[in-house]
Amino acid sequence: MFPMRQLIFLFFLFGGAFRMSAQQALDAKPDWVTGTARILQQKYCSADADLFTVSLKIEIEVKNSSKTSFYLLWPMVPWVGKIASGKGEAESGHFLYEQTASHYLQEPVRFKRLTVEPGKKVTVQSGYDLVARHDPAFSLPKSLSAGTYGLVLVLRPEETPPSQMQGPETIKTITTNPFLVDIPPAPKLVDCESGAKAH
């Protein structure tokens, strides 16, 4: 078993290797598709003496501002996370860092296409984890200390969808509008694997 800190390091190391190719494919976003995210639940998962995980359950409202219907391919997962020092910084594109996650499928994905008519919206749910540190002086790249941050998520399918679901009328990427994540200085930690409070 790897220590938690080594696992986190490997997560970012391997994730970063895919950043350039993933970013080129993901940043294209139609102006008439908006994804507005809000946090439904926020937990703080124990890791080790230096680090913990901020686990977010997120609701995303996807709106169609065009005059024609489109299909939203689902499910998707957060593939890229962009973290800024605040919502205004995120809106202006000034990010502290970006991270590309690696995903390992346990079983095939069963996709569906959600119809979004002109002027209408659909609501979907997802999740995302951030790595945080107890002591602001502790050094680990792509980790956060206590504070309020702006977050933008880019979601995409975990695997290539069937060819019949890849037409131009199908949205296969969602980029959320920036939303705020607040990390308190001394959160109550939970053992997220068992759901029990950590001591």
Protein backbone atom coordinates (compact mmCIF):
# COMPACT_ATOMS: atom_id res chain seq x y z
CA MET A 1 0.00 0.00 0.00
CA PHE A 2 1.28 3.48 -0.88
CA PRO A 3 1.07 6.24 1.74
CA MET A 4 -1.71 8.73 0.99
CA ARG A 5 0.76 11.49 0.06
CA GLN A 6 2.46 9.28 -2.53
CA LEU A 7 -0.91 8.33 -4.04
CA ILE A 8 -1.88 11.98 -4.35
CA PHE A 9 1.47 12.77 -5.98
CA LEU A 10 1.04 9.93 -8.49
CA PHE A 11 -2.50 11.10 -9.24
CA PHE A 12 -1.27 14.52 -10.30
CA LEU A 13 1.86 13.19 -12.01
CA PHE A 14 0.02 10.83 -14.33
CA GLY A 15 -2.88 13.22 -14.76
CA GLY A 16 -0.54 15.97 -15.92
CA ALA A 17 0.82 13.80 -18.71
CA PHE A 18 -2.52 13.99 -20.50
CA ARG A 19 -3.07 17.71 -20.01
CA MET A 20 -2.04 19.09 -23.39
CA SER A 21 -4.04 16.67 -25.54
CA ALA A 22 -7.05 16.77 -23.23
CA GLN A 23 -7.02 20.56 -22.95
CA GLN A 24 -7.03 21.08 -26.71
CA ALA A 25 -10.11 18.88 -27.06
CA LEU A 26 -11.95 20.22 -24.04
CA ASP A 27 -11.67 24.00 -24.15
CA ALA A 28 -13.99 24.42 -27.14
CA LYS A 29 -17.38 25.43 -25.74
CA PRO A 30 -20.39 26.59 -27.74
CA ASP A 31 -21.52 30.04 -26.59
CA TRP A 32 -25.12 28.87 -26.43
CA VAL A 33 -24.42 26.12 -23.88
CA THR A 34 -23.99 27.19 -20.27
CA GLY A 35 -23.27 25.00 -17.26
CA THR A 36 -24.08 26.61 -13.92
CA ALA A 37 -22.76 24.64 -10.96
CA ARG A 38 -23.62 24.75 -7.29
CA ILE A 39 -22.41 22.67 -4.37
CA LEU A 40 -25.01 20.34 -2.85
CA GLN A 41 -22.72 18.74 -0.26
CA GLN A 42 -19.17 19.30 0.95
CA LYS A 43 -17.21 16.83 3.08
CA TYR A 44 -13.67 16.85 4.42
CA CYS A 45 -12.04 13.45 4.16
CA SER A 46 -9.08 12.50 6.34
CA ALA A 47 -5.84 11.60 4.57
CA ASP A 48 -2.74 12.01 6.75
CA ALA A 49 -1.24 14.46 9.23
CA ASP A 50 -0.60 17.06 6.51
CA LEU A 51 -3.39 16.64 3.98
CA PHE A 52 -7.11 16.09 3.65
CA THR A 53 -9.56 15.94 0.74
CA VAL A 54 -12.40 18.34 0.07
CA SER A 55 -15.09 16.14 -1.48
CA LEU A 56 -17.82 17.98 -3.39
CA LYS A 57 -21.21 16.80 -4.60
CA ILE A 58 -22.20 19.18 -7.39
CA GLU A 59 -25.39 19.99 -9.27
CA ILE A 60 -24.94 21.34 -12.80
CA GLU A 61 -27.70 23.14 -14.66
CA VAL A 62 -27.10 22.92 -18.42
CA LYS A 63 -29.05 25.52 -20.42
CA ASN A 64 -29.69 25.76 -24.16
CA SER A 65 -29.66 29.41 -25.31
CA SER A 66 -29.89 28.56 -28.99
CA LYS A 67 -32.95 28.25 -31.26
CA THR A 68 -32.52 24.54 -31.91
CA SER A 69 -32.53 21.47 -29.69
CA PHE A 70 -29.41 19.58 -28.77
CA TYR A 71 -28.60 16.33 -27.00
CA LEU A 72 -26.49 16.22 -23.85
CA LEU A 73 -24.43 13.05 -23.63
CA TRP A 74 -24.48 11.63 -20.10
CA PRO A 75 -22.81 10.52 -17.87
CA MET A 76 -19.72 12.72 -17.91
CA VAL A 77 -17.00 13.18 -15.30
CA PRO A 78 -14.85 16.17 -14.31
CA TRP A 79 -11.79 15.77 -16.52
CA VAL A 80 -10.13 19.12 -15.88
CA GLY A 81 -10.34 21.32 -12.78
CA LYS A 82 -9.22 24.96 -12.90
CA ILE A 83 -8.63 26.62 -9.54
CA ALA A 84 -8.38 30.39 -9.00
CA SER A 85 -7.92 32.59 -5.94
CA GLY A 86 -11.52 33.81 -6.27
CA LYS A 87 -14.55 33.87 -8.55
CA GLY A 88 -13.44 37.10 -10.28
CA GLU A 89 -10.01 35.63 -11.03
CA ALA A 90 -11.63 32.52 -12.47
CA GLU A 91 -13.96 34.63 -14.64
CA SER A 92 -10.95 36.51 -16.03
CA GLY A 93 -9.04 33.28 -16.68
CA HIS A 94 -6.33 33.80 -14.05
CA PHE A 95 -5.93 30.39 -12.43
CA LEU A 96 -3.58 29.24 -9.69
CA TYR A 97 -3.33 25.85 -11.37
CA GLU A 98 -5.16 23.34 -13.52
CA GLN A 99 -5.27 19.60 -13.07
CA THR A 100 -6.26 16.79 -15.38
CA ALA A 101 -7.54 13.68 -13.64
CA SER A 102 -6.89 10.10 -14.68
CA HIS A 103 -9.88 7.76 -14.71
CA TYR A 104 -9.89 3.99 -14.55
CA LEU A 105 -13.15 2.40 -15.66
CA GLN A 106 -14.46 -0.50 -13.62
CA GLU A 107 -17.17 -1.40 -16.12
CA PRO A 108 -18.48 -0.13 -19.48
CA VAL A 109 -20.39 3.15 -19.45
CA ARG A 110 -24.04 3.11 -20.53
CA PHE A 111 -24.58 6.47 -22.18
CA LYS A 112 -27.86 8.24 -22.72
CA ARG A 113 -28.69 11.42 -24.60
CA LEU A 114 -30.73 14.01 -22.74
CA THR A 115 -32.77 16.29 -25.00
CA VAL A 116 -32.43 20.01 -24.23
CA GLU A 117 -34.92 22.12 -26.16
CA PRO A 118 -34.37 25.80 -27.05
CA GLY A 119 -34.49 28.00 -23.96
CA LYS A 120 -34.76 24.94 -21.71
CA LYS A 121 -32.36 23.34 -19.25
CA VAL A 122 -31.55 19.99 -17.67
CA THR A 123 -29.98 19.36 -14.29
CA VAL A 124 -27.35 16.68 -13.69
CA GLN A 125 -25.11 15.79 -10.76
CA SER A 126 -21.43 15.05 -10.45
CA GLY A 127 -18.63 15.14 -7.88
CA TYR A 128 -15.14 16.53 -7.51
CA ASP A 129 -12.28 16.31 -5.00
CA LEU A 130 -9.69 18.91 -4.07
CA VAL A 131 -6.53 18.25 -2.06
CA ALA A 132 -6.08 20.60 0.91
CA ARG A 133 -3.41 21.00 3.58
CA HIS A 134 -3.81 21.62 7.30
CA ASP A 135 -0.76 23.87 7.58
CA PRO A 136 -0.50 26.66 4.94
CA ALA A 137 3.30 26.42 5.23
CA PHE A 138 3.29 22.78 4.17
CA SER A 139 4.45 22.51 0.55
CA LEU A 140 2.65 20.30 -1.95
CA PRO A 141 1.96 21.42 -5.53
CA LYS A 142 -1.71 21.67 -6.47
CA SER A 143 -2.98 21.67 -2.91
CA LEU A 144 -4.96 24.38 -1.13
CA SER A 145 -4.89 25.98 2.30
CA ALA A 146 -7.91 27.47 4.07
CA GLY A 147 -9.69 30.15 2.02
CA THR A 148 -12.27 30.79 -0.68
CA TYR A 149 -11.48 29.76 -4.25
CA GLY A 150 -13.06 29.93 -7.69
CA LEU A 151 -13.46 26.59 -9.45
CA VAL A 152 -14.22 25.77 -13.09
CA LEU A 153 -14.83 22.17 -14.14
CA VAL A 154 -14.58 20.69 -17.62
CA LEU A 155 -16.59 17.49 -17.93
CA ARG A 156 -16.39 14.84 -20.63
CA PRO A 157 -17.23 11.13 -21.04
CA GLU A 158 -14.93 8.60 -19.39
CA GLU A 159 -14.78 6.58 -22.59
CA THR A 160 -15.49 7.14 -26.28
CA PRO A 161 -19.25 7.01 -26.84
CA PRO A 162 -20.81 4.86 -29.60
CA SER A 163 -20.58 6.39 -33.08
CA GLN A 164 -24.34 6.91 -33.29
CA MET A 165 -24.08 9.25 -30.29
CA GLN A 166 -21.36 11.47 -31.76
CA GLY A 167 -23.31 13.64 -34.18
CA PRO A 168 -22.85 17.45 -34.32
CA GLU A 169 -26.12 17.92 -32.43
CA THR A 170 -24.71 16.05 -29.40
CA ILE A 171 -22.86 17.99 -26.67
CA LYS A 172 -19.99 15.87 -25.40
CA THR A 173 -18.24 18.48 -23.20
CA ILE A 174 -19.48 20.84 -20.49
CA THR A 175 -17.46 23.70 -19.04
CA THR A 176 -19.07 25.11 -15.91
CA ASN A 177 -19.26 28.77 -15.04
CA PRO A 178 -16.95 29.63 -12.11
CA PHE A 179 -18.34 28.81 -8.67
CA LEU A 180 -17.01 29.31 -5.14
CA VAL A 181 -15.52 26.68 -2.83
CA ASP A 182 -14.86 27.66 0.79
CA ILE A 183 -12.29 25.66 2.79
CA PRO A 184 -12.44 26.37 6.55
CA PRO A 185 -9.23 26.53 8.61
CA ALA A 186 -10.10 23.58 10.88
CA PRO A 187 -12.76 21.39 9.27
CA LYS A 188 -14.25 18.34 10.95
CA LEU A 189 -12.68 15.40 9.18
CA VAL A 190 -14.58 12.28 8.18
CA ASP A 191 -13.37 8.84 7.18
CA CYS A 192 -15.08 8.94 3.80
CA GLU A 193 -14.62 5.24 3.16
CA SER A 194 -16.64 4.29 6.23
CA GLY A 195 -18.58 7.53 6.77
CA ALA A 196 -17.36 7.77 10.37
CA LYS A 197 -15.79 10.84 11.95
CA ALA A 198 -12.01 10.83 11.98
CA HIS A 199 -10.23 11.42 15.26
